[in-house]
Protein backbone atom coordinates (compact mmCIF):
# COMPACT_ATOMS: atom_id res chain seq x y z
CA MET A 1 106.59 -23.60 59.49
CA GLU A 2 110.00 -24.31 57.98
CA SER A 3 112.33 -26.19 60.33
CA PHE A 4 116.01 -27.16 60.54
CA ASP A 5 118.14 -29.09 62.98
CA TYR A 6 120.29 -26.04 63.71
CA ILE A 7 119.67 -22.34 63.28
CA ILE A 8 122.83 -20.21 63.31
CA VAL A 9 122.09 -16.57 64.12
CA GLY A 10 124.84 -14.56 62.44
CA GLY A 11 126.87 -15.19 59.32
CA GLY A 12 130.04 -13.63 60.65
CA THR A 13 133.36 -15.11 61.69
CA ALA A 14 132.01 -17.78 64.05
CA GLY A 15 128.88 -18.42 61.98
CA CYS A 16 130.90 -19.29 58.87
CA VAL A 17 132.99 -21.81 60.80
CA LEU A 18 129.90 -23.40 62.33
CA ALA A 19 128.07 -23.60 59.00
CA ASN A 20 130.97 -25.48 57.46
CA ARG A 21 131.65 -27.90 60.29
CA LEU A 22 128.03 -28.73 61.08
CA THR A 23 127.04 -29.37 57.46
CA ALA A 24 130.04 -31.63 56.92
CA ASN A 25 127.71 -34.21 58.48
CA SER A 26 125.04 -34.71 55.83
CA LYS A 27 122.52 -35.68 58.52
CA ASN A 28 122.49 -32.13 59.90
CA SER A 29 120.27 -29.53 58.28
CA VAL A 30 121.42 -25.97 58.99
CA LEU A 31 119.96 -22.52 58.43
CA MET A 32 122.23 -19.49 58.72
CA LEU A 33 120.53 -16.12 59.18
CA GLU A 34 122.64 -13.04 58.44
CA ALA A 35 121.31 -9.50 58.84
CA GLY A 36 123.77 -8.10 56.30
CA GLY A 37 124.23 -8.97 52.67
CA THR A 38 126.66 -11.11 50.72
CA ASP A 39 130.42 -10.69 50.80
CA SER A 40 130.59 -9.16 47.33
CA GLY A 41 132.07 -5.75 46.61
CA PHE A 42 135.06 -4.25 44.82
CA TRP A 43 137.07 -3.43 47.94
CA ILE A 44 136.47 -6.61 49.93
CA SER A 45 139.14 -8.82 48.37
CA ILE A 46 141.74 -6.01 48.21
CA PRO A 47 143.57 -5.93 51.58
CA ALA A 48 144.01 -2.15 51.59
CA GLY A 49 140.27 -1.83 51.01
CA PHE A 50 139.69 -2.03 54.77
CA SER A 51 140.04 1.76 54.91
CA LYS A 52 137.01 2.08 52.62
CA LEU A 53 134.97 -0.62 54.34
CA LEU A 54 135.43 0.62 57.91
CA THR A 55 133.29 3.67 57.14
CA ASN A 56 130.79 1.94 54.82
CA ALA A 57 127.34 1.31 56.35
CA LYS A 58 126.73 -1.53 53.88
CA TYR A 59 129.45 -3.64 55.49
CA ASN A 60 129.72 -2.10 58.95
CA TRP A 61 127.11 -1.73 61.70
CA ARG A 62 128.87 1.47 62.79
CA PHE A 63 127.98 1.20 66.45
CA GLN A 64 129.06 3.96 68.82
CA THR A 65 129.72 4.08 72.55
CA GLU A 66 127.74 6.21 74.93
CA PRO A 67 129.58 9.36 76.07
CA GLU A 68 131.67 8.52 79.15
CA GLU A 69 133.61 10.72 81.55
CA ASN A 70 136.72 8.49 81.35
CA VAL A 71 137.25 9.67 77.75
CA TYR A 72 135.99 13.22 78.29
CA ASN A 73 132.46 12.36 77.13
CA ARG A 74 133.53 11.44 73.63
CA THR A 75 131.60 8.87 71.62
CA ILE A 76 133.89 6.24 70.12
CA VAL A 77 133.12 4.21 67.02
CA VAL A 78 132.76 0.44 67.44
CA PRO A 79 132.88 -1.09 63.94
CA ARG A 80 131.36 -4.55 63.54
CA GLY A 81 131.24 -6.43 60.25
CA LYS A 82 127.91 -6.66 58.46
CA GLY A 83 127.51 -9.38 55.85
CA LEU A 84 128.72 -12.92 55.25
CA GLY A 85 132.14 -13.18 56.84
CA GLY A 86 131.33 -10.57 59.48
CA SER A 87 134.24 -8.57 60.79
CA THR A 88 136.71 -10.61 58.70
CA LEU A 89 135.30 -8.64 55.75
CA ILE A 90 136.45 -5.29 57.11
CA ASN A 91 139.23 -5.94 59.62
CA GLY A 92 142.97 -5.49 59.23
CA MET A 93 143.46 -9.25 58.64
CA ILE A 94 145.98 -9.52 61.50
CA PHE A 95 146.24 -13.06 62.90
CA VAL A 96 147.34 -13.30 66.54
CA ARG A 97 146.41 -16.20 68.82
CA GLY A 98 147.46 -14.64 72.11
CA GLN A 99 149.48 -16.19 74.91
CA ALA A 100 149.09 -19.70 76.33
CA GLN A 101 148.48 -18.13 79.73
CA ASP A 102 145.33 -16.41 78.40
CA TYR A 103 143.57 -19.71 77.85
CA ASP A 104 144.94 -21.26 81.03
CA LEU A 105 143.33 -18.32 82.85
CA TRP A 106 139.99 -19.12 81.18
CA ALA A 107 140.19 -22.64 82.60
CA GLN A 108 141.06 -21.28 86.05
CA MET A 109 138.01 -18.98 85.85
CA GLY A 110 135.69 -21.96 85.42
CA ALA A 111 135.86 -22.57 81.66
CA THR A 112 136.92 -26.19 82.07
CA GLY A 113 138.35 -27.67 78.89
CA TRP A 114 139.58 -24.34 77.51
CA SER A 115 143.21 -24.33 78.66
CA PHE A 116 145.87 -23.75 76.03
CA GLN A 117 146.57 -27.45 75.64
CA ASP A 118 142.83 -27.99 75.16
CA VAL A 119 142.46 -25.33 72.46
CA LEU A 120 145.78 -25.78 70.64
CA PRO A 121 144.43 -28.60 68.42
CA TYR A 122 141.66 -26.29 67.24
CA PHE A 123 144.08 -23.48 66.40
CA LYS A 124 146.12 -25.97 64.41
CA ARG A 125 143.00 -27.32 62.71
CA LEU A 126 142.02 -23.94 61.33
CA GLU A 127 145.49 -22.82 60.15
CA ALA A 128 147.20 -23.07 56.80
CA PHE A 129 150.35 -21.27 57.95
CA GLU A 130 152.95 -20.51 55.29
CA ASP A 131 155.71 -22.25 57.29
CA GLY A 132 153.69 -25.47 57.38
CA GLU A 133 152.81 -27.93 60.12
CA SER A 134 154.78 -28.01 63.38
CA GLU A 135 154.24 -28.83 67.02
CA LEU A 136 152.54 -25.47 67.56
CA ARG A 137 151.26 -24.46 64.10
CA GLY A 138 148.82 -25.91 61.60
CA GLY A 139 149.65 -26.26 57.92
CA SER A 140 146.59 -27.70 56.19
CA GLY A 141 143.56 -25.87 57.60
CA PRO A 142 141.12 -23.70 55.63
CA LEU A 143 142.50 -20.33 56.82
CA HIS A 144 145.53 -19.08 54.87
CA ILE A 145 148.04 -17.25 57.08
CA VAL A 146 151.11 -15.50 55.67
CA ARG A 147 153.57 -12.94 56.92
CA VAL A 148 153.31 -9.45 55.46
CA ALA A 149 155.12 -9.69 52.13
CA GLU A 150 155.91 -6.01 51.49
CA ARG A 151 158.79 -4.94 53.73
CA PRO A 152 159.95 -1.39 53.02
CA PRO A 153 163.28 -0.23 54.48
CA ILE A 154 161.52 1.98 57.04
CA SER A 155 159.92 -1.10 58.63
CA GLU A 156 163.31 -2.84 58.85
CA ALA A 157 164.66 0.32 60.49
CA PHE A 158 161.84 0.18 63.05
CA ILE A 159 162.61 -3.46 63.94
CA GLU A 160 166.32 -2.62 64.19
CA ALA A 161 165.49 0.33 66.45
CA ALA A 162 163.56 -2.03 68.73
CA LYS A 163 166.67 -4.25 68.92
CA GLN A 164 168.78 -1.19 69.78
CA ALA A 165 166.28 -0.44 72.56
CA GLY A 166 166.82 -3.94 73.98
CA PHE A 167 163.98 -5.98 72.47
CA PRO A 168 164.44 -9.24 70.53
CA ARG A 169 163.35 -10.01 66.98
CA ASN A 170 160.67 -12.71 66.88
CA PRO A 171 159.81 -14.46 63.59
CA ASP A 172 156.67 -16.17 64.96
CA TYR A 173 154.76 -14.53 67.78
CA ASN A 174 152.18 -17.34 67.46
CA GLY A 175 154.88 -19.87 68.29
CA ALA A 176 156.67 -20.63 71.54
CA SER A 177 156.93 -17.00 72.70
CA GLN A 178 155.03 -13.83 71.85
CA GLU A 179 157.62 -11.30 72.98
CA GLY A 180 159.57 -9.31 70.43
CA PHE A 181 159.34 -7.53 67.07
CA GLY A 182 158.89 -8.58 63.48
CA TYR A 183 156.28 -8.69 60.70
CA TYR A 184 152.61 -9.37 61.22
CA GLN A 185 150.90 -12.54 60.08
CA VAL A 186 147.75 -11.87 58.08
CA ASN A 187 144.78 -13.77 56.63
CA GLN A 188 145.64 -13.45 52.96
CA HIS A 189 145.96 -15.80 50.01
CA LYS A 190 147.80 -14.81 46.84
CA GLY A 191 147.57 -11.15 47.74
CA ARG A 192 143.84 -11.23 48.53
CA ARG A 193 141.95 -10.91 51.80
CA TRP A 194 141.02 -14.41 53.00
CA SER A 195 137.91 -13.99 55.14
CA ALA A 196 135.95 -16.51 57.17
CA ALA A 197 133.51 -16.64 54.25
CA ASP A 198 136.35 -17.54 51.88
CA ALA A 199 137.85 -20.12 54.22
CA TYR A 200 134.72 -21.78 55.58
CA LEU A 201 131.42 -20.70 54.08
CA ARG A 202 132.14 -20.75 50.36
CA PRO A 203 133.28 -24.42 50.34
CA ALA A 204 130.02 -25.36 52.09
CA LEU A 205 127.55 -23.41 49.96
CA SER A 206 127.02 -26.28 47.52
CA ARG A 207 125.90 -28.64 50.27
CA PRO A 208 122.15 -29.36 50.10
CA ASN A 209 121.88 -29.39 53.91
CA LEU A 210 122.88 -25.72 54.24
CA LYS A 211 120.59 -22.77 53.62
CA VAL A 212 121.93 -19.22 53.92
CA GLN A 213 119.48 -16.33 54.24
CA THR A 214 120.93 -12.84 54.03
CA LEU A 215 119.23 -9.54 54.93
CA ALA A 216 117.47 -11.47 57.71
CA HIS A 217 117.48 -9.53 60.98
CA VAL A 218 116.67 -11.83 63.90
CA THR A 219 114.43 -10.03 66.38
CA ARG A 220 113.57 -12.68 68.97
CA ILE A 221 114.31 -16.21 70.17
CA ASN A 222 111.18 -18.33 70.50
CA PHE A 223 110.80 -20.61 73.53
CA GLU A 224 108.51 -23.43 74.56
CA GLY A 225 108.89 -23.96 78.28
CA ARG A 226 112.60 -23.51 78.97
CA ARG A 227 113.63 -24.69 75.52
CA ALA A 228 114.61 -22.52 72.55
CA VAL A 229 112.63 -23.83 69.59
CA GLY A 230 113.31 -21.23 66.90
CA VAL A 231 113.60 -17.57 66.07
CA ARG A 232 111.62 -14.70 64.65
CA TYR A 233 113.31 -12.59 61.97
CA ARG A 234 112.58 -9.71 59.66
CA ILE A 235 113.32 -9.36 55.94
CA GLY A 236 112.37 -5.86 54.90
CA ASN A 237 108.91 -5.33 56.40
CA GLU A 238 108.06 -9.02 56.46
CA GLU A 239 108.13 -10.96 59.73
CA ARG A 240 108.99 -14.66 59.56
CA GLU A 241 109.51 -17.53 62.00
CA VAL A 242 111.52 -20.72 61.72
CA ARG A 243 111.91 -23.71 64.05
CA ALA A 244 115.03 -25.47 65.29
CA ARG A 245 114.69 -29.18 66.00
CA ALA A 246 117.99 -29.43 67.86
CA GLU A 247 119.48 -26.05 68.77
CA VAL A 248 119.48 -22.33 68.20
CA ILE A 249 123.12 -21.19 68.09
CA LEU A 250 123.81 -17.49 68.63
CA ALA A 251 126.89 -16.31 66.71
CA ALA A 252 125.97 -12.63 66.37
CA GLY A 253 129.00 -11.30 68.23
CA ALA A 254 129.70 -9.52 71.50
CA VAL A 255 127.45 -6.56 70.66
CA GLN A 256 124.41 -8.22 69.12
CA THR A 257 124.24 -11.56 70.95
CA PRO A 258 123.50 -10.01 74.38
CA HIS A 259 121.16 -7.55 72.69
CA LEU A 260 119.15 -10.39 71.14
CA LEU A 261 119.00 -12.26 74.45
CA GLU A 262 117.63 -9.15 76.16
CA LEU A 263 115.11 -8.57 73.36
CA SER A 264 113.97 -12.14 74.08
CA GLY A 265 113.56 -11.50 77.81
CA VAL A 266 116.79 -13.19 78.90
CA GLY A 267 118.99 -11.05 81.10
CA ASP A 268 119.13 -8.94 84.23
CA PRO A 269 115.58 -8.20 85.44
CA GLY A 270 116.34 -4.57 86.27
CA THR A 271 117.90 -3.92 82.87
CA LEU A 272 114.99 -5.59 81.08
CA ALA A 273 112.41 -3.65 83.10
CA SER A 274 114.06 -0.32 82.31
CA ALA A 275 113.75 -1.14 78.58
CA GLY A 276 110.15 -2.32 78.86
CA ILE A 277 110.95 -6.00 78.21
CA PRO A 278 109.11 -8.71 80.21
CA VAL A 279 111.48 -11.07 82.01
CA PHE A 280 111.45 -14.60 80.59
CA HIS A 281 114.64 -15.92 82.21
CA ALA A 282 116.71 -14.02 84.77
CA LEU A 283 120.39 -14.17 83.87
CA PRO A 284 122.20 -11.16 85.37
CA GLY A 285 125.47 -11.61 83.48
CA VAL A 286 123.98 -10.92 80.04
CA GLY A 287 125.56 -7.79 78.58
CA ASN A 288 128.06 -7.32 81.40
CA ASN A 289 131.81 -8.05 81.44
CA TYR A 290 132.28 -6.09 78.21
CA ILE A 291 135.99 -5.81 77.43
CA ASP A 292 137.73 -4.19 74.47
CA HIS A 293 141.23 -3.13 73.50
CA PHE A 294 141.75 0.62 73.88
CA ALA A 295 144.59 2.07 71.83
CA THR A 296 146.40 5.31 71.25
CA ARG A 297 148.08 6.27 67.99
CA MET A 298 151.43 8.00 68.26
CA ASN A 299 152.77 9.45 65.03
CA TRP A 300 155.83 11.16 63.68
CA ARG A 301 156.59 13.29 60.66
CA VAL A 302 159.02 11.48 58.33
CA LYS A 303 161.88 13.21 56.49
CA LEU A 304 161.73 11.18 53.27
CA PRO A 305 158.83 10.66 50.82
CA VAL A 306 158.66 6.90 51.48
CA THR A 307 155.34 6.55 53.34
CA LEU A 308 151.84 5.61 52.30
CA ASN A 309 150.72 9.21 52.76
CA GLU A 310 152.29 10.12 49.44
CA LEU A 311 152.43 6.67 47.79
CA THR A 312 148.62 6.50 47.75
CA ARG A 313 148.07 9.75 45.83
CA GLY A 314 148.02 10.77 42.17
CA TRP A 315 150.10 8.88 39.65
CA ARG A 316 151.79 6.80 42.36
CA LEU A 317 148.41 5.36 43.33
CA GLY A 318 147.72 4.58 39.68
CA LEU A 319 150.96 2.63 39.47
CA ALA A 320 150.13 0.79 42.69
CA VAL A 321 146.69 -0.21 41.40
CA GLY A 322 148.22 -1.49 38.17
CA GLN A 323 150.89 -3.42 40.06
CA TYR A 324 148.29 -5.03 42.33
CA PHE A 325 145.99 -6.23 39.60
CA LEU A 326 148.90 -7.55 37.51
CA THR A 327 150.90 -9.20 40.29
CA ARG A 328 148.81 -9.14 43.51
CA LYS A 329 151.74 -7.34 45.13
CA GLY A 330 152.53 -3.84 46.31
CA ILE A 331 151.02 -1.37 48.74
CA LEU A 332 147.43 -2.54 48.16
CA THR A 333 148.31 -5.75 50.03
CA TYR A 334 148.75 -3.83 53.30
CA GLY A 335 146.29 -4.20 56.15
CA THR A 336 146.26 -2.27 59.42
CA GLY A 337 149.66 -3.44 60.65
CA LEU A 338 153.04 -3.88 58.99
CA ALA A 339 155.48 -4.57 61.83
CA HIS A 340 154.52 -5.85 65.26
CA GLY A 341 155.89 -5.49 68.75
CA PHE A 342 154.96 -7.27 71.98
CA VAL A 343 156.69 -5.83 75.05
CA LYS A 344 156.70 -5.96 78.83
CA THR A 345 156.35 -2.48 80.28
CA ARG A 346 157.73 -3.68 83.63
CA PRO A 347 160.57 -6.20 84.07
CA GLU A 348 158.70 -8.19 86.73
CA LEU A 349 155.97 -9.20 84.25
CA GLU A 350 156.01 -12.79 83.04
CA THR A 351 154.69 -11.99 79.54
CA PRO A 352 154.14 -8.91 77.34
CA ASP A 353 151.36 -6.54 78.37
CA VAL A 354 151.50 -4.12 75.40
CA GLN A 355 151.18 -4.63 71.65
CA TYR A 356 152.42 -2.29 68.89
CA PHE A 357 151.18 -1.79 65.34
CA PHE A 358 153.75 0.01 63.19
CA MET A 359 152.72 1.50 59.85
CA HIS A 360 154.55 3.92 57.57
CA ALA A 361 151.47 6.14 57.37
CA SER A 362 149.70 8.72 59.50
CA TYR A 363 146.09 9.81 59.55
CA ALA A 364 144.90 13.37 59.28
CA ASN A 365 141.54 11.98 60.45
CA ALA A 366 141.68 8.47 61.92
CA GLY A 367 137.89 8.17 62.17
CA GLU A 368 137.47 8.84 58.45
CA ARG A 369 140.68 6.95 57.53
CA LYS A 370 142.09 10.01 55.73
CA LEU A 371 145.88 10.09 55.43
CA ASP A 372 148.12 13.11 55.94
CA ARG A 373 149.44 14.78 52.82
CA GLU A 374 153.03 14.92 54.16
CA PRO A 375 155.11 11.81 55.03
CA GLY A 376 154.35 10.22 58.38
CA MET A 377 154.53 7.02 60.44
CA THR A 378 152.38 5.68 63.27
CA ILE A 379 152.66 3.28 66.18
CA GLY A 380 149.37 2.04 67.58
CA VAL A 381 149.78 1.21 71.27
CA THR A 382 147.35 -1.07 73.11
CA GLN A 383 147.31 -2.80 76.47
CA LEU A 384 146.88 -6.51 75.91
CA ARG A 385 144.78 -7.56 78.92
CA PRO A 386 142.62 -4.65 80.12
CA GLU A 387 141.01 -4.94 83.53
CA SER A 388 138.36 -2.27 82.89
CA ARG A 389 134.90 -3.75 82.48
CA GLY A 390 131.89 -2.22 80.77
CA SER A 391 128.50 -3.28 79.47
CA ILE A 392 126.32 -3.59 76.37
CA HIS A 393 122.60 -3.37 77.13
CA ILE A 394 119.28 -2.89 75.44
CA LYS A 395 117.89 0.67 75.37
CA SER A 396 114.58 0.10 73.62
CA PRO A 397 112.17 -2.77 72.87
CA ASP A 398 112.57 -1.83 69.19
CA PRO A 399 114.77 -4.65 67.82
CA MET A 400 116.23 -2.34 65.18
CA ALA A 401 117.49 0.19 67.74
CA PRO A 402 121.16 -0.27 68.67
CA PRO A 403 122.11 -1.15 72.26
CA ALA A 404 123.91 1.15 74.68
CA ILE A 405 127.65 0.43 74.64
CA ARG A 406 129.53 1.60 77.75
CA PRO A 407 133.15 0.35 77.69
CA ASN A 408 134.33 2.13 80.86
CA PHE A 409 137.77 2.48 79.24
CA LEU A 410 140.77 3.30 81.46
CA SER A 411 138.82 2.92 84.70
CA ALA A 412 141.36 0.43 86.07
CA ARG A 413 144.67 1.85 87.26
CA THR A 414 146.57 -1.13 85.78
CA ASP A 415 145.23 -0.21 82.34
CA GLN A 416 146.43 3.34 82.72
CA GLU A 417 149.91 2.29 83.85
CA SER A 418 150.39 -0.25 81.05
CA LEU A 419 149.30 2.17 78.35
CA ILE A 420 151.51 4.95 79.69
CA GLY A 421 154.46 2.57 79.89
CA GLY A 422 153.81 1.33 76.35
CA MET A 423 153.75 4.85 74.94
CA ARG A 424 157.00 5.75 76.71
CA ILE A 425 158.71 2.68 75.25
CA ALA A 426 157.37 3.46 71.76
CA ARG A 427 158.92 6.93 71.93
CA ARG A 428 162.22 5.41 73.11
CA ILE A 429 162.26 3.01 70.15
CA ILE A 430 161.70 5.75 67.57
CA GLU A 431 164.48 7.80 69.17
CA GLN A 432 167.06 5.05 68.49
CA PRO A 433 169.81 5.65 65.88
CA ALA A 434 168.23 3.24 63.37
CA MET A 435 165.36 5.72 62.89
CA ASP A 436 167.54 8.84 62.50
CA ARG A 437 167.26 8.68 58.71
CA TYR A 438 163.46 8.79 58.85
CA ARG A 439 162.43 10.59 62.05
CA ALA A 440 161.72 14.29 61.69
CA TYR A 441 159.72 15.06 64.85
CA GLU A 442 156.94 13.62 66.99
CA MET A 443 153.53 14.96 66.01
CA ASN A 444 151.31 13.19 68.56
CA PRO A 445 151.35 13.43 71.45
CA GLY A 446 154.41 15.65 70.96
CA SER A 447 157.66 16.09 72.86
CA ASN A 448 155.97 18.40 75.41
CA VAL A 449 154.08 15.37 76.84
CA ASN A 450 156.27 13.76 79.51
CA THR A 451 154.52 13.22 82.85
CA ASP A 452 152.16 10.33 83.60
CA ASP A 453 149.25 12.77 83.86
CA GLU A 454 150.07 14.24 80.45
CA TRP A 455 150.33 10.82 78.83
CA LEU A 456 147.03 9.75 80.40
CA ASP A 457 145.34 12.95 79.27
CA PHE A 458 146.49 12.26 75.70
CA ALA A 459 145.07 8.74 75.89
CA ARG A 460 141.72 9.93 77.24
CA ARG A 461 141.41 12.63 74.56
CA ASN A 462 142.54 10.60 71.57
CA GLY A 463 142.31 6.87 72.25
CA GLN A 464 139.98 4.59 70.32
CA THR A 465 138.80 1.02 70.50
CA ILE A 466 140.57 -1.32 68.08
CA TYR A 467 137.41 -3.32 67.54
CA HIS A 468 137.95 -6.33 69.80
CA ALA A 469 134.67 -6.47 71.73
CA ILE A 470 134.34 -9.60 73.88
CA GLY A 471 132.95 -11.04 77.10
CA THR A 472 129.30 -9.97 77.23
CA CYS A 473 127.97 -13.54 77.62
CA SER A 474 130.93 -14.95 79.46
CA MET A 475 131.67 -18.61 80.00
CA GLY A 476 132.05 -20.18 83.44
CA LYS A 477 130.37 -21.36 86.60
CA SER A 478 129.96 -18.13 88.57
CA PRO A 479 126.56 -16.45 89.11
CA ARG A 480 127.56 -13.84 86.50
CA ALA A 481 128.40 -16.42 83.82
CA VAL A 482 125.97 -16.75 80.92
CA VAL A 483 127.13 -20.03 79.34
CA ASP A 484 128.74 -23.17 80.71
CA GLU A 485 131.98 -24.73 79.48
CA ARG A 486 130.05 -26.38 76.63
CA LEU A 487 128.70 -22.95 75.59
CA ARG A 488 125.12 -23.80 76.63
CA VAL A 489 123.11 -20.93 78.11
CA HIS A 490 122.63 -21.46 81.85
CA GLY A 491 119.11 -22.46 82.82
CA LEU A 492 117.80 -22.95 79.28
CA GLU A 493 117.79 -25.80 76.78
CA GLY A 494 118.47 -25.87 73.07
CA LEU A 495 120.31 -22.54 73.16
CA ARG A 496 124.05 -22.14 72.73
CA ILE A 497 126.36 -19.16 72.17
CA VAL A 498 129.44 -19.52 69.99
CA ASP A 499 131.17 -16.18 69.43
CA ALA A 500 133.44 -13.60 71.08
CA SER A 501 130.88 -12.84 73.77
CA VAL A 502 131.69 -16.09 75.63
CA MET A 503 135.33 -15.17 76.34
CA PRO A 504 135.60 -14.74 80.13
CA ALA A 505 138.75 -12.60 79.84
CA MET A 506 140.58 -10.80 77.04
CA VAL A 507 143.21 -12.63 75.03
CA SER A 508 146.57 -10.93 74.44
CA ALA A 509 145.77 -10.57 70.77
CA ASN A 510 143.57 -9.37 67.98
CA THR A 511 140.47 -11.47 68.60
CA ALA A 512 139.58 -12.99 65.19
CA ALA A 513 141.87 -16.00 65.66
CA ALA A 514 140.37 -16.81 69.07
CA VAL A 515 136.83 -16.49 67.71
CA MET A 516 137.58 -19.01 64.95
CA MET A 517 139.08 -21.36 67.52
CA ILE A 518 135.96 -21.02 69.70
CA ALA A 519 133.76 -21.86 66.71
CA GLU A 520 135.91 -24.85 65.75
CA LYS A 521 135.70 -26.26 69.28
CA GLY A 522 132.05 -25.20 69.58
CA SER A 523 131.11 -27.19 66.48
CA ASP A 524 132.61 -30.29 68.09
CA LEU A 525 130.70 -29.65 71.33
CA VAL A 526 127.41 -29.28 69.46
CA GLN A 527 127.86 -32.56 67.62
CA ALA A 528 129.18 -34.44 70.65
CA ASP A 529 126.11 -33.41 72.67
CA ALA A 530 123.84 -34.49 69.81
CA ARG A 531 125.49 -37.92 69.68
CA GLU A 532 125.10 -38.29 73.44
CA LYS A 533 121.36 -37.59 73.22
CA VAL A 534 120.93 -40.24 70.54
CA SER A 535 122.83 -42.84 72.52
């Protein structure tokens, strides 16, 4: 049987970082197994291509939640990237670290060594920020980070309106303070998407100690005694096995990592029994503590023909395509957010609790990413640190069957209050004089929505996840924790988890940046533990 020192399960965001850092030591042999394909495709490098990729089954697992009463029994799509680079192939490229207090909270919850001062060196190590190196930012890392380059007058009007409403302008929300408004920072390089595969995997592919196997769906972790010694995987109809001499590292993400553990008999005994899986190792926290960002999209009709709704049609789209391929500039460089806002919905809060995504566009069908035909603008509103907790659990012993995703959105009263407050503030911003030139009328939820109950009803009927699943194999020392502070699975040997599932609590941010930081630090932990065993 083929064997390697390390087997990385998942070629996504964390997997790409791990593959690069572990193979930098020529003594390590590494196999990466990715269920999707390569990161090739016409739309992948074009930033605006995310709208095509988010509905494409070739690049997106297209998971869905179970119907839940909190959202009137709707099913909600949960996109997860499929292919080398993972969700950085299909996401909006927005780079947000979160607040220092987020990571300090992790440490207080038992994740020793993960305070902000502990993780800051890893954020700096991964960054190639356009402003260069500073006390808080990195300038020479593999991940290119730039501010949105295209800044139409309507976005400047939005930022000015926020100032008129009493909020500051902030040129670097990843710096000393997150609060305020400005332009998003994105993972782009010379007008192209810069994914984890671009930043980390591609530079490592020529190394003889790295093997990458795509279209390889891992179906089970193999154990000898309490030690993980390899995995079983499927390519087409062919079953294969491979051994790990040092460690199996799960980097399949917050949806698929707990699912694979449960397929392997690791999890809550009752959950495993209900799915017909024999219990190998009881670990009740597996699949629990699921957290995601729930967002509403408020939109307004715009008076002038200056929005993407009309700029992406007919001859205007032809001009935009020509401009992009000649200059790597123009509207095809846009991701999911143009201007940002981080606000406190209550004055007694220490830090912002709501994030805004402003875009001069509006969807006729958000699920299908179809734009309105008339001019429109949208503010996405999300609570930064939701307290609602859900679960992701196995439904069937069939490894190809998706798990049951139950987010339990808006079950916590704090989540409801923050989201309602954030939507009220968004309306107040758009009603400022700076937006008079553009604002026609509010389409959703509409001026007839004013009471807390009406706002909450709108959120329940229309809100969606914004694809930030975390927490389902959380880190810590409690009985519900799945991994320790060195990301080793409790009670087992040779098995580590390095992905979004280990986050014990949500960060005040889009999660890609935190996942890369976890993988950077995780790669150091793996190699430090290996050196300790040798010595």
